[in-house]
C-alpha cells in the first residue's frame, strides 16, 4: 500500500473516531414538580451523564383521585432495565412505581397508567399495611393480598432527611427485592434503609417479612428514584 493510501486511511480512521467521540446522547429531561413532561422534546445530555436515559414514574391513588409524579433525566450508568411494581395498602390506597433505564427514545415511553385492578384474592397471604412519614405514624392494618403478591416493608430516606414508611401487599419481583434488600442501598439519591419481602399465611400473627439475599450485579439495575420524590410524598401524601 502506498504512503498516500495509508495517509488517506489514517485520516479516515481519525475522522470516524472523532465523530464517535463527539456524538452525544439526547434524552427528555423534566420533572413534573417544576415543569411539564408532556410533549417534551429530547435535549442533549451533559458530558458527565451521557450514557443512558432514565425515566421514573410514581402515582398514589386514593379512590378515584390519582397523584402523579414523573421524572426524566440523563444518566452516567449503562443500563437497559425496566422495573414496575405496586404496593396495595388498602382497597382504595395504592402506590405504583415504574422506572426505566435505556439508550435512546424508548426510555421516554414509560406508561403513566397504573396496574389493572386485580380481582382474585388469596386467603393464604395477609400482610401489615400502612404508610406514613415515620414508623409511629404508620398505623398498621391487616391487608389480604391478591394472588401472586407478597408482603413488603420498606423505609426510604431522602436527601432532605424525610422518610417514607410503607407496608402492604406487592407484586414486586424477587430480583428487585434482592437488589434493595441490603440496608442503606442508595438509588437515585434515595437511601433504602429497609426493604423486606416475605410471605405470611397466618392471619392471627404479625407478618414478619424475611429479607432476601442481595445480588452482586448492581450496576445494571434500572430502578431509579428521583431526589424530589421526597417533596411529593411529604406535601401530597403524608400530611
Protein backbone atom coordinates (compact mmCIF):
# COMPACT_ATOMS: atom_id res chain seq x y z
CA UNK A 1 0.00 0.00 0.00
CA UNK A 2 1.39 3.39 -0.97
CA UNK A 3 2.13 6.06 1.56
CA UNK A 4 -0.62 8.22 0.06
CA UNK A 5 -3.24 5.49 0.53
CA UNK A 6 -2.02 4.90 4.08
CA UNK A 7 -2.41 8.61 4.75
CA UNK A 8 -6.00 8.63 3.48
CA UNK A 9 -6.82 5.52 5.53
CA UNK A 10 -5.31 7.02 8.67
CA UNK A 11 -7.20 10.26 8.14
CA UNK A 12 -10.46 8.37 7.68
CA UNK A 13 -9.98 6.46 10.90
CA UNK A 14 -9.26 9.68 12.78
CA UNK A 15 -12.45 11.26 11.40
CA UNK A 16 -14.54 8.24 12.41
CA UNK A 17 -13.11 8.22 15.92
CA UNK A 18 -13.65 11.96 16.26
CA UNK A 19 -17.29 11.71 15.20
CA UNK A 20 -17.89 8.83 17.61
CA UNK A 21 -16.25 10.75 20.42
CA UNK A 22 -18.33 13.90 19.97
CA UNK A 23 -21.62 12.13 19.35
CA UNK A 24 -23.81 12.78 22.38
CA UNK A 25 -26.94 11.26 23.84
CA UNK A 26 -30.22 13.14 23.87
CA UNK A 27 -32.93 12.43 26.43
CA UNK A 28 -36.14 14.05 27.58
CA UNK A 29 -35.27 15.94 30.76
CA UNK A 30 -38.06 17.14 33.03
CA UNK A 31 -39.54 16.97 36.49
CA UNK A 32 -43.30 17.20 36.87
CA UNK A 33 -42.97 19.25 40.07
CA UNK A 34 -41.25 22.09 38.21
CA UNK A 35 -42.24 21.67 34.57
CA UNK A 36 -44.49 19.56 32.37
CA UNK A 37 -43.20 16.29 30.96
CA UNK A 38 -45.93 16.01 28.33
CA UNK A 39 -44.80 16.60 24.74
CA UNK A 40 -41.26 17.45 25.79
CA UNK A 41 -38.53 17.03 23.19
CA UNK A 42 -35.24 15.30 23.88
CA UNK A 43 -32.30 17.57 24.67
CA UNK A 44 -28.58 16.91 24.64
CA UNK A 45 -27.25 15.37 27.84
CA UNK A 46 -24.33 16.84 29.80
CA UNK A 47 -20.95 15.20 29.26
CA UNK A 48 -20.92 13.66 32.74
CA UNK A 49 -24.29 11.91 32.24
CA UNK A 50 -24.47 10.85 28.62
CA UNK A 51 -24.71 7.06 28.74
CA UNK A 52 -28.41 6.32 29.31
CA UNK A 53 -31.84 7.91 29.58
CA UNK A 54 -33.80 7.29 32.76
CA UNK A 55 -37.50 7.60 33.47
CA UNK A 56 -39.13 7.34 36.89
CA UNK A 57 -42.86 7.42 37.50
CA UNK A 58 -44.89 7.07 40.65
CA UNK A 59 -48.52 7.62 41.40
CA UNK A 60 -50.57 7.32 44.54
CA UNK A 61 -54.24 6.53 44.09
CA UNK A 62 -56.78 7.30 46.78
CA UNK A 63 -60.06 6.11 45.37
CA UNK A 64 -60.57 7.93 42.09
CA UNK A 65 -58.00 10.62 42.91
CA UNK A 66 -54.54 9.97 41.49
CA UNK A 67 -51.42 11.99 42.30
CA UNK A 68 -48.88 11.62 39.52
CA UNK A 69 -45.16 12.34 39.66
CA UNK A 70 -42.74 11.94 36.76
CA UNK A 71 -39.01 12.48 36.34
CA UNK A 72 -36.94 12.00 33.18
CA UNK A 73 -33.20 12.56 33.06
CA UNK A 74 -29.79 11.65 31.69
CA UNK A 75 -27.60 9.12 33.47
CA UNK A 76 -23.96 8.08 33.58
CA UNK A 77 -25.00 4.45 34.19
CA UNK A 78 -25.03 1.91 31.37
CA UNK A 79 -28.29 0.05 31.88
CA UNK A 80 -31.23 -1.34 29.95
CA UNK A 81 -33.76 -2.45 32.54
CA UNK A 82 -37.43 -1.68 33.19
CA UNK A 83 -38.99 -2.22 36.61
CA UNK A 84 -42.58 -1.82 37.80
CA UNK A 85 -44.35 -2.81 40.97
CA UNK A 86 -47.39 -1.83 43.01
CA UNK A 87 -47.94 -1.74 46.76
CA UNK A 88 -51.55 -2.07 47.96
CA UNK A 89 -52.18 -0.55 51.37
CA UNK A 90 -55.97 -0.85 51.24
CA UNK A 91 -58.69 -1.29 48.64
CA UNK A 92 -58.52 2.45 47.90
CA UNK A 93 -54.85 3.25 48.62
CA UNK A 94 -52.22 2.12 46.15
CA UNK A 95 -48.63 3.14 45.40
CA UNK A 96 -47.40 2.38 41.89
CA UNK A 97 -43.71 2.61 40.91
CA UNK A 98 -42.25 2.35 37.42
CA UNK A 99 -38.71 3.02 36.23
CA UNK A 100 -36.75 2.50 33.06
CA UNK A 101 -33.16 2.99 32.01
CA UNK A 102 -32.04 2.60 28.42
CA UNK A 103 -30.35 4.22 25.45
CA UNK A 104 -32.48 6.27 23.09
CA UNK A 105 -36.10 7.30 22.74
CA UNK A 106 -37.59 4.06 24.07
CA UNK A 107 -36.84 5.17 27.62
CA UNK A 108 -39.13 8.14 27.14
CA UNK A 109 -42.16 5.93 26.52
CA UNK A 110 -42.83 4.65 30.04
CA UNK A 111 -46.56 4.39 30.60
CA UNK A 112 -48.13 6.52 33.31
CA UNK A 113 -51.01 4.10 33.87
CA UNK A 114 -51.42 2.03 37.00
CA UNK A 115 -51.79 -1.72 37.04
CA UNK A 116 -55.25 -3.04 36.10
CA UNK A 117 -57.48 -3.98 39.03
CA UNK A 118 -56.87 -7.43 40.44
CA UNK A 119 -59.88 -9.45 41.46
CA UNK A 120 -58.61 -12.82 42.60
CA UNK A 121 -57.84 -12.76 46.31
CA UNK A 122 -55.60 -15.28 48.01
CA UNK A 123 -56.71 -16.13 51.55
CA UNK A 124 -53.26 -17.54 52.32
CA UNK A 125 -51.36 -14.26 52.34
CA UNK A 126 -52.07 -11.39 54.70
CA UNK A 127 -49.71 -8.50 55.43
CA UNK A 128 -49.44 -5.50 57.66
CA UNK A 129 -50.34 -2.40 55.65
CA UNK A 130 -49.81 1.32 56.26
CA UNK A 131 -47.90 4.36 55.07
CA UNK A 132 -46.55 7.42 56.84
CA UNK A 133 -43.57 9.67 57.45
CA UNK A 134 -42.38 7.57 60.40
CA UNK A 135 -42.99 4.16 61.91
CA UNK A 136 -45.11 5.70 64.66
CA UNK A 137 -47.33 7.50 62.13
CA UNK A 138 -47.74 4.32 60.09
CA UNK A 139 -50.97 2.98 61.60
CA UNK A 140 -50.99 -0.69 60.74
CA UNK A 141 -53.96 -2.66 59.49
CA UNK A 142 -54.12 -6.15 58.03
CA UNK A 143 -54.38 -6.43 54.27
CA UNK A 144 -55.47 -9.59 52.44
CA UNK A 145 -53.32 -9.88 49.34
CA UNK A 146 -54.17 -10.59 45.74
CA UNK A 147 -52.87 -13.77 44.18
CA UNK A 148 -49.16 -13.53 43.40
CA UNK A 149 -48.44 -10.74 45.88
CA UNK A 150 -46.01 -10.81 48.78
CA UNK A 151 -45.59 -8.67 51.89
CA UNK A 152 -43.27 -5.67 51.67
CA UNK A 153 -41.93 -3.48 54.43
CA UNK A 154 -39.77 -0.56 53.35
CA UNK A 155 -38.28 2.59 54.80
CA UNK A 156 -36.81 5.13 52.40
CA UNK A 157 -34.84 8.20 53.45
CA UNK A 158 -34.40 11.17 51.14
CA UNK A 159 -31.68 13.81 50.97
CA UNK A 160 -33.83 16.27 52.90
CA UNK A 161 -33.99 13.63 55.67
CA UNK A 162 -37.69 12.95 55.07
CA UNK A 163 -38.68 9.31 55.42
CA UNK A 164 -41.38 7.19 53.84
CA UNK A 165 -42.55 4.12 55.73
CA UNK A 166 -44.63 1.83 53.52
CA UNK A 167 -46.07 -1.61 54.22
CA UNK A 168 -48.51 -3.68 52.23
CA UNK A 169 -49.07 -6.32 49.57
CA UNK A 170 -46.95 -6.02 46.44
CA UNK A 171 -46.32 -7.74 43.13
CA UNK A 172 -42.64 -6.71 43.35
CA UNK A 173 -40.43 -9.35 41.77
CA UNK A 174 -37.80 -11.24 43.72
CA UNK A 175 -34.86 -9.69 41.86
CA UNK A 176 -35.98 -6.19 42.88
CA UNK A 177 -36.38 -7.37 46.47
CA UNK A 178 -32.87 -8.79 46.33
CA UNK A 179 -31.44 -5.60 44.86
CA UNK A 180 -32.99 -3.36 47.51
CA UNK A 181 -32.70 -5.76 50.47
CA UNK A 182 -29.26 -4.62 51.62
CA UNK A 183 -29.51 -1.88 54.23
CA UNK A 184 -28.63 1.65 53.15
CA UNK A 185 -28.97 0.88 49.46
CA UNK A 186 -28.63 4.19 47.63
CA UNK A 187 -30.70 4.52 44.45
CA UNK A 188 -31.00 7.84 42.68
CA UNK A 189 -30.30 9.86 45.80
CA UNK A 190 -32.74 7.90 47.97
CA UNK A 191 -31.43 5.56 50.66
CA UNK A 192 -33.49 2.45 51.29
CA UNK A 193 -32.86 1.87 54.99
CA UNK A 194 -35.06 -1.21 54.82
CA UNK A 195 -36.65 -3.21 52.03
CA UNK A 196 -38.03 -6.54 53.16
CA UNK A 197 -40.12 -9.00 51.19
CA UNK A 198 -41.79 -12.10 52.54
CA UNK A 199 -44.95 -14.17 52.82
CA UNK A 200 -47.37 -14.79 55.67
CA UNK A 201 -50.03 -17.46 55.80
CA UNK A 202 -51.14 -16.94 59.41
CA UNK A 203 -53.59 -14.06 59.71
CA UNK A 204 -53.50 -14.11 63.51
CA UNK A 205 -49.79 -13.46 63.73
CA UNK A 206 -47.75 -10.42 62.79
CA UNK A 207 -46.26 -10.89 59.32
CA UNK A 208 -42.50 -10.62 59.53
CA UNK A 209 -41.03 -10.31 56.04
CA UNK A 210 -37.69 -12.03 55.63
CA UNK A 211 -35.03 -10.08 53.72
CA UNK A 212 -33.82 -11.81 50.61
CA UNK A 213 -30.16 -12.10 49.67
CA UNK A 214 -28.65 -9.28 47.67
CA UNK A 215 -27.30 -9.57 44.17
CA UNK A 216 -23.78 -8.64 43.20
CA UNK A 217 -24.87 -7.05 39.92
CA UNK A 218 -25.95 -3.59 40.97
CA UNK A 219 -24.65 -1.58 38.06
CA UNK A 220 -27.23 -2.70 35.53
CA UNK A 221 -30.37 -2.25 37.60
CA UNK A 222 -32.84 0.27 36.29
CA UNK A 223 -34.74 1.10 39.46
CA UNK A 224 -34.19 4.85 39.80
CA UNK A 225 -35.78 7.16 42.34
CA UNK A 226 -35.65 10.95 41.79
CA UNK A 227 -34.46 13.28 44.51
CA UNK A 228 -37.60 15.40 44.53
CA UNK A 229 -39.92 12.48 45.25
CA UNK A 230 -39.47 13.32 48.92
CA UNK A 231 -41.23 16.64 48.45
CA UNK A 232 -44.11 14.98 46.66
CA UNK A 233 -44.58 12.38 49.36
CA UNK A 234 -44.34 14.97 52.11
CA UNK A 235 -46.69 17.55 50.61
CA UNK A 236 -49.20 15.36 48.81
CA UNK A 237 -49.32 12.02 50.56
CA UNK A 238 -48.22 12.19 54.17
CA UNK A 239 -49.85 15.35 55.50
